[in-house]
């Protein structure tokens, strides 16, 4: 979807990588928050539900701190702090976190980034504090999207089944 502002931002900032992962083991992507894991097709954002942005999962959150799903470098941080991208340490994947649907319209209200673009983060490290009550009160869906924007052509992706999930629990696996 060309009109999706966040998608254009990430495609400009994150770019592709010439590196290919050489590991043959599974690479885990963790849940960024505790809550109810849902299949992308069951979300209310057409860009994500159609998988136009990439494959992944979504979590309807129970808490206000969004954590890193992978270890790597914060390659992009949207100015409104509602979305960011991480290039994994081994360059096997670029993972985008998008907090809420249409939350760019909040212009950063309710979001407080704990990291900056260029920072190295460890899987499970707190990234953004979010006032999900304020997001809901403003009429926005708080669903947190975990999207694999780019990965090796030879990789396969496996997703955790829908249902309750705890922060830092593996929810997506990439294999070469």
C-alpha atoms as a PDB file:
ATOM      1  CA  UNK A   1       0.000   0.000   0.000  1.00  0.00           C
ATOM      2  CA  UNK A   2       1.687   3.146  -1.208  1.00  0.00           C
ATOM      3  CA  UNK A   3      -0.349   5.423   1.035  1.00  0.00           C
ATOM      4  CA  UNK A   4       0.735   3.835   4.312  1.00  0.00           C
ATOM      5  CA  UNK A   5       3.035   6.506   5.803  1.00  0.00           C
ATOM      6  CA  UNK A   6       4.974   4.221   8.116  1.00  0.00           C
ATOM      7  CA  UNK A   7       5.701   1.679   5.383  1.00  0.00           C
ATOM      8  CA  UNK A   8       7.264   4.384   3.174  1.00  0.00           C
ATOM      9  CA  UNK A   9       9.330   5.642   6.078  1.00  0.00           C
ATOM     10  CA  UNK A  10      10.785   2.196   6.750  1.00  0.00           C
ATOM     11  CA  UNK A  11      11.465   1.379   3.134  1.00  0.00           C
ATOM     12  CA  UNK A  12      13.515   4.588   2.872  1.00  0.00           C
ATOM     13  CA  UNK A  13      15.387   4.216   6.163  1.00  0.00           C
ATOM     14  CA  UNK A  14      15.954   0.505   6.543  1.00  0.00           C
ATOM     15  CA  UNK A  15      16.872  -0.440   3.001  1.00  0.00           C
ATOM     16  CA  UNK A  16      18.083  -3.885   2.030  1.00  0.00           C
ATOM     17  CA  UNK A  17      21.117  -5.730   3.170  1.00  0.00           C
ATOM     18  CA  UNK A  18      23.579  -7.530   0.916  1.00  0.00           C
ATOM     19  CA  UNK A  19      24.425  -9.851   3.800  1.00  0.00           C
ATOM     20  CA  UNK A  20      22.822 -13.261   3.887  1.00  0.00           C
ATOM     21  CA  UNK A  21      22.472 -15.237   7.079  1.00  0.00           C
ATOM     22  CA  UNK A  22      24.749 -18.247   7.098  1.00  0.00           C
ATOM     23  CA  UNK A  23      23.281 -20.016  10.096  1.00  0.00           C
ATOM     24  CA  UNK A  24      21.120 -23.043   9.477  1.00  0.00           C
ATOM     25  CA  UNK A  25      19.403 -22.895  12.850  1.00  0.00           C
ATOM     26  CA  UNK A  26      16.161 -21.218  13.778  1.00  0.00           C
ATOM     27  CA  UNK A  27      16.140 -17.523  14.587  1.00  0.00           C
ATOM     28  CA  UNK A  28      13.551 -16.542  17.216  1.00  0.00           C
ATOM     29  CA  UNK A  29      11.545 -13.328  17.282  1.00  0.00           C
ATOM     30  CA  UNK A  30      10.029 -12.566  20.673  1.00  0.00           C
ATOM     31  CA  UNK A  31       6.691 -11.087  21.717  1.00  0.00           C
ATOM     32  CA  UNK A  32       7.228  -7.372  22.454  1.00  0.00           C
ATOM     33  CA  UNK A  33       4.366  -7.272  24.999  1.00  0.00           C
ATOM     34  CA  UNK A  34       2.127  -9.645  26.908  1.00  0.00           C
ATOM     35  CA  UNK A  35      -1.389 -10.010  25.599  1.00  0.00           C
ATOM     36  CA  UNK A  36      -3.483 -11.866  23.044  1.00  0.00           C
ATOM     37  CA  UNK A  37      -1.550 -13.002  19.976  1.00  0.00           C
ATOM     38  CA  UNK A  38      -3.619 -12.693  16.790  1.00  0.00           C
ATOM     39  CA  UNK A  39      -3.054 -13.659  13.188  1.00  0.00           C
ATOM     40  CA  UNK A  40      -2.342 -10.651  10.951  1.00  0.00           C
ATOM     41  CA  UNK A  41      -5.396 -11.463   8.816  1.00  0.00           C
ATOM     42  CA  UNK A  42      -7.572 -10.891  11.893  1.00  0.00           C
ATOM     43  CA  UNK A  43      -6.391  -7.302  12.492  1.00  0.00           C
ATOM     44  CA  UNK A  44      -8.074  -4.066  11.412  1.00  0.00           C
ATOM     45  CA  UNK A  45      -5.240  -2.547   9.374  1.00  0.00           C
ATOM     46  CA  UNK A  46      -5.353  -3.413   5.650  1.00  0.00           C
ATOM     47  CA  UNK A  47      -1.599  -2.938   5.120  1.00  0.00           C
ATOM     48  CA  UNK A  48      -0.792  -5.433   7.850  1.00  0.00           C
ATOM     49  CA  UNK A  49      -3.738  -7.839   7.484  1.00  0.00           C
ATOM     50  CA  UNK A  50      -2.992  -8.286   3.762  1.00  0.00           C
ATOM     51  CA  UNK A  51       0.697  -8.875   4.596  1.00  0.00           C
ATOM     52  CA  UNK A  52       1.627  -6.123   2.143  1.00  0.00           C
ATOM     53  CA  UNK A  53       4.227  -4.858   4.624  1.00  0.00           C
ATOM     54  CA  UNK A  54       5.553  -8.314   5.513  1.00  0.00           C
ATOM     55  CA  UNK A  55       4.853 -11.468   7.493  1.00  0.00           C
ATOM     56  CA  UNK A  56       4.555 -11.593  11.243  1.00  0.00           C
ATOM     57  CA  UNK A  57       2.093 -11.479  14.102  1.00  0.00           C
ATOM     58  CA  UNK A  58       0.163  -8.970  16.173  1.00  0.00           C
ATOM     59  CA  UNK A  59      -0.450  -8.715  19.911  1.00  0.00           C
ATOM     60  CA  UNK A  60      -3.368  -6.982  21.598  1.00  0.00           C
ATOM     61  CA  UNK A  61      -1.387  -5.616  24.571  1.00  0.00           C
ATOM     62  CA  UNK A  62      -2.018  -5.913  28.302  1.00  0.00           C
ATOM     63  CA  UNK A  63       0.813  -3.655  29.446  1.00  0.00           C
ATOM     64  CA  UNK A  64       2.519  -0.401  28.579  1.00  0.00           C
ATOM     65  CA  UNK A  65       6.138  -1.251  27.811  1.00  0.00           C
ATOM     66  CA  UNK A  66       7.080  -2.532  24.360  1.00  0.00           C
ATOM     67  CA  UNK A  67      10.269  -4.622  24.330  1.00  0.00           C
ATOM     68  CA  UNK A  68      12.750  -5.575  21.610  1.00  0.00           C
ATOM     69  CA  UNK A  69      11.731  -8.731  19.735  1.00  0.00           C
ATOM     70  CA  UNK A  70      15.336  -9.316  18.561  1.00  0.00           C
ATOM     71  CA  UNK A  71      18.859  -8.180  19.369  1.00  0.00           C
ATOM     72  CA  UNK A  72      20.182  -5.696  16.870  1.00  0.00           C
ATOM     73  CA  UNK A  73      20.458  -2.061  15.865  1.00  0.00           C
ATOM     74  CA  UNK A  74      17.557   0.367  15.855  1.00  0.00           C
ATOM     75  CA  UNK A  75      17.685   1.147  12.139  1.00  0.00           C
ATOM     76  CA  UNK A  76      14.644   3.431  12.147  1.00  0.00           C
ATOM     77  CA  UNK A  77      12.597   5.243  14.763  1.00  0.00           C
ATOM     78  CA  UNK A  78       9.511   7.070  13.547  1.00  0.00           C
ATOM     79  CA  UNK A  79       9.449  10.681  14.879  1.00  0.00           C
ATOM     80  CA  UNK A  80       6.128  10.036  16.661  1.00  0.00           C
ATOM     81  CA  UNK A  81       7.729   7.041  18.448  1.00  0.00           C
ATOM     82  CA  UNK A  82       4.841   4.710  17.516  1.00  0.00           C
ATOM     83  CA  UNK A  83       6.964   2.584  15.171  1.00  0.00           C
ATOM     84  CA  UNK A  84      10.551   1.431  14.841  1.00  0.00           C
ATOM     85  CA  UNK A  85      12.680  -1.011  12.919  1.00  0.00           C
ATOM     86  CA  UNK A  86      15.501  -3.247  14.120  1.00  0.00           C
ATOM     87  CA  UNK A  87      18.164  -4.886  11.956  1.00  0.00           C
ATOM     88  CA  UNK A  88      19.004  -8.162  13.682  1.00  0.00           C
ATOM     89  CA  UNK A  89      22.608  -8.673  14.776  1.00  0.00           C
ATOM     90  CA  UNK A  90      23.203 -11.407  12.209  1.00  0.00           C
ATOM     91  CA  UNK A  91      21.361  -9.456   9.463  1.00  0.00           C
ATOM     92  CA  UNK A  92      18.983 -12.376   8.951  1.00  0.00           C
ATOM     93  CA  UNK A  93      15.938 -10.144   9.338  1.00  0.00           C
ATOM     94  CA  UNK A  94      14.674  -6.598   9.588  1.00  0.00           C
ATOM     95  CA  UNK A  95      11.866  -6.454  12.116  1.00  0.00           C
ATOM     96  CA  UNK A  96       9.386  -3.601  12.375  1.00  0.00           C
ATOM     97  CA  UNK A  97       7.314  -2.856  15.444  1.00  0.00           C
ATOM     98  CA  UNK A  98       4.214  -0.782  14.787  1.00  0.00           C
ATOM     99  CA  UNK A  99       2.323   0.210  17.930  1.00  0.00           C
ATOM    100  CA  UNK A 100      -1.374   0.654  17.267  1.00  0.00           C
ATOM    101  CA  UNK A 101      -3.440   1.351  14.181  1.00  0.00           C
ATOM    102  CA  UNK A 102      -3.370   4.921  12.822  1.00  0.00           C
ATOM    103  CA  UNK A 103      -1.567   6.022  16.002  1.00  0.00           C
ATOM    104  CA  UNK A 104       0.657   8.299  13.916  1.00  0.00           C
ATOM    105  CA  UNK A 105      -2.318  10.682  14.248  1.00  0.00           C
ATOM    106  CA  UNK A 106      -1.580  10.969  17.986  1.00  0.00           C
ATOM    107  CA  UNK A 107       1.623  12.844  17.030  1.00  0.00           C
ATOM    108  CA  UNK A 108       3.616  11.098  19.748  1.00  0.00           C
ATOM    109  CA  UNK A 109       1.137  11.630  22.599  1.00  0.00           C
ATOM    110  CA  UNK A 110       1.175   8.556  24.826  1.00  0.00           C
ATOM    111  CA  UNK A 111       4.524   7.270  23.481  1.00  0.00           C
ATOM    112  CA  UNK A 112       7.942   7.629  25.110  1.00  0.00           C
ATOM    113  CA  UNK A 113      10.924   6.035  23.354  1.00  0.00           C
ATOM    114  CA  UNK A 114      13.608   4.618  25.629  1.00  0.00           C
ATOM    115  CA  UNK A 115      16.055   4.164  22.731  1.00  0.00           C
ATOM    116  CA  UNK A 116      17.261   6.208  19.770  1.00  0.00           C
ATOM    117  CA  UNK A 117      17.952   5.397  16.150  1.00  0.00           C
ATOM    118  CA  UNK A 118      21.401   3.793  15.932  1.00  0.00           C
ATOM    119  CA  UNK A 119      21.265   2.253  19.415  1.00  0.00           C
ATOM    120  CA  UNK A 120      22.084  -1.419  19.875  1.00  0.00           C
ATOM    121  CA  UNK A 121      19.353  -3.293  21.763  1.00  0.00           C
ATOM    122  CA  UNK A 122      19.157  -6.749  23.297  1.00  0.00           C
ATOM    123  CA  UNK A 123      16.141  -9.006  22.783  1.00  0.00           C
ATOM    124  CA  UNK A 124      13.666  -8.279  25.581  1.00  0.00           C
ATOM    125  CA  UNK A 125      15.055  -4.788  26.311  1.00  0.00           C
ATOM    126  CA  UNK A 126      12.365  -2.112  26.892  1.00  0.00           C
ATOM    127  CA  UNK A 127      12.055   0.142  23.820  1.00  0.00           C
ATOM    128  CA  UNK A 128       8.957   2.308  24.170  1.00  0.00           C
ATOM    129  CA  UNK A 129       6.673   3.102  27.086  1.00  0.00           C
ATOM    130  CA  UNK A 130       3.090   3.422  25.874  1.00  0.00           C
ATOM    131  CA  UNK A 131       0.003   4.752  27.635  1.00  0.00           C
ATOM    132  CA  UNK A 132      -2.364   2.205  26.084  1.00  0.00           C
ATOM    133  CA  UNK A 133      -5.295   3.597  28.095  1.00  0.00           C
ATOM    134  CA  UNK A 134      -4.747   6.993  26.433  1.00  0.00           C
ATOM    135  CA  UNK A 135      -4.423   5.315  23.024  1.00  0.00           C
ATOM    136  CA  UNK A 136      -7.759   3.537  23.556  1.00  0.00           C
ATOM    137  CA  UNK A 137      -9.414   6.668  25.015  1.00  0.00           C
ATOM    138  CA  UNK A 138      -8.417   8.586  21.874  1.00  0.00           C
ATOM    139  CA  UNK A 139     -10.287   5.953  19.827  1.00  0.00           C
ATOM    140  CA  UNK A 140      -7.306   4.032  18.441  1.00  0.00           C
ATOM    141  CA  UNK A 141      -6.697   0.284  18.298  1.00  0.00           C
ATOM    142  CA  UNK A 142      -3.588  -0.476  20.459  1.00  0.00           C
ATOM    143  CA  UNK A 143      -2.569  -3.691  18.632  1.00  0.00           C
ATOM    144  CA  UNK A 144       1.226  -4.081  18.426  1.00  0.00           C
ATOM    145  CA  UNK A 145       2.459  -5.484  15.093  1.00  0.00           C
ATOM    146  CA  UNK A 146       5.696  -7.498  14.797  1.00  0.00           C
ATOM    147  CA  UNK A 147       6.531  -7.572  11.093  1.00  0.00           C
ATOM    148  CA  UNK A 148       9.472  -9.213   9.350  1.00  0.00           C
ATOM    149  CA  UNK A 149      10.046  -6.612   6.635  1.00  0.00           C
ATOM    150  CA  UNK A 150      12.991  -8.259   5.003  1.00  0.00           C
ATOM    151  CA  UNK A 151      14.575 -11.676   5.241  1.00  0.00           C
ATOM    152  CA  UNK A 152      16.707 -14.047   3.222  1.00  0.00           C
ATOM    153  CA  UNK A 153      14.994 -15.435   0.109  1.00  0.00           C
ATOM    154  CA  UNK A 154      15.770 -18.990   1.252  1.00  0.00           C
ATOM    155  CA  UNK A 155      14.289 -18.569   4.707  1.00  0.00           C
ATOM    156  CA  UNK A 156      11.022 -20.018   5.953  1.00  0.00           C
ATOM    157  CA  UNK A 157       8.853 -18.357   8.542  1.00  0.00           C
ATOM    158  CA  UNK A 158       6.761 -20.101  11.181  1.00  0.00           C
ATOM    159  CA  UNK A 159       4.327 -18.239  13.447  1.00  0.00           C
ATOM    160  CA  UNK A 160       3.073 -19.017  16.961  1.00  0.00           C
ATOM    161  CA  UNK A 161      -0.604 -19.982  17.153  1.00  0.00           C
ATOM    162  CA  UNK A 162      -3.122 -17.350  18.275  1.00  0.00           C
ATOM    163  CA  UNK A 163      -3.852 -17.096  21.983  1.00  0.00           C
ATOM    164  CA  UNK A 164      -2.336 -15.680  25.161  1.00  0.00           C
ATOM    165  CA  UNK A 165       1.350 -14.793  24.942  1.00  0.00           C
ATOM    166  CA  UNK A 166       3.877 -13.446  27.445  1.00  0.00           C
ATOM    167  CA  UNK A 167       6.403 -10.720  26.717  1.00  0.00           C
ATOM    168  CA  UNK A 168       9.729 -12.229  25.576  1.00  0.00           C
ATOM    169  CA  UNK A 169       8.067 -15.507  24.527  1.00  0.00           C
ATOM    170  CA  UNK A 170       9.073 -16.658  21.007  1.00  0.00           C
ATOM    171  CA  UNK A 171       6.288 -15.897  18.504  1.00  0.00           C
ATOM    172  CA  UNK A 172       7.996 -16.162  15.101  1.00  0.00           C
ATOM    173  CA  UNK A 173      10.775 -18.461  13.917  1.00  0.00           C
ATOM    174  CA  UNK A 174      12.928 -17.976  10.822  1.00  0.00           C
ATOM    175  CA  UNK A 175      14.851 -20.912   9.374  1.00  0.00           C
ATOM    176  CA  UNK A 176      17.351 -21.107   6.504  1.00  0.00           C
END
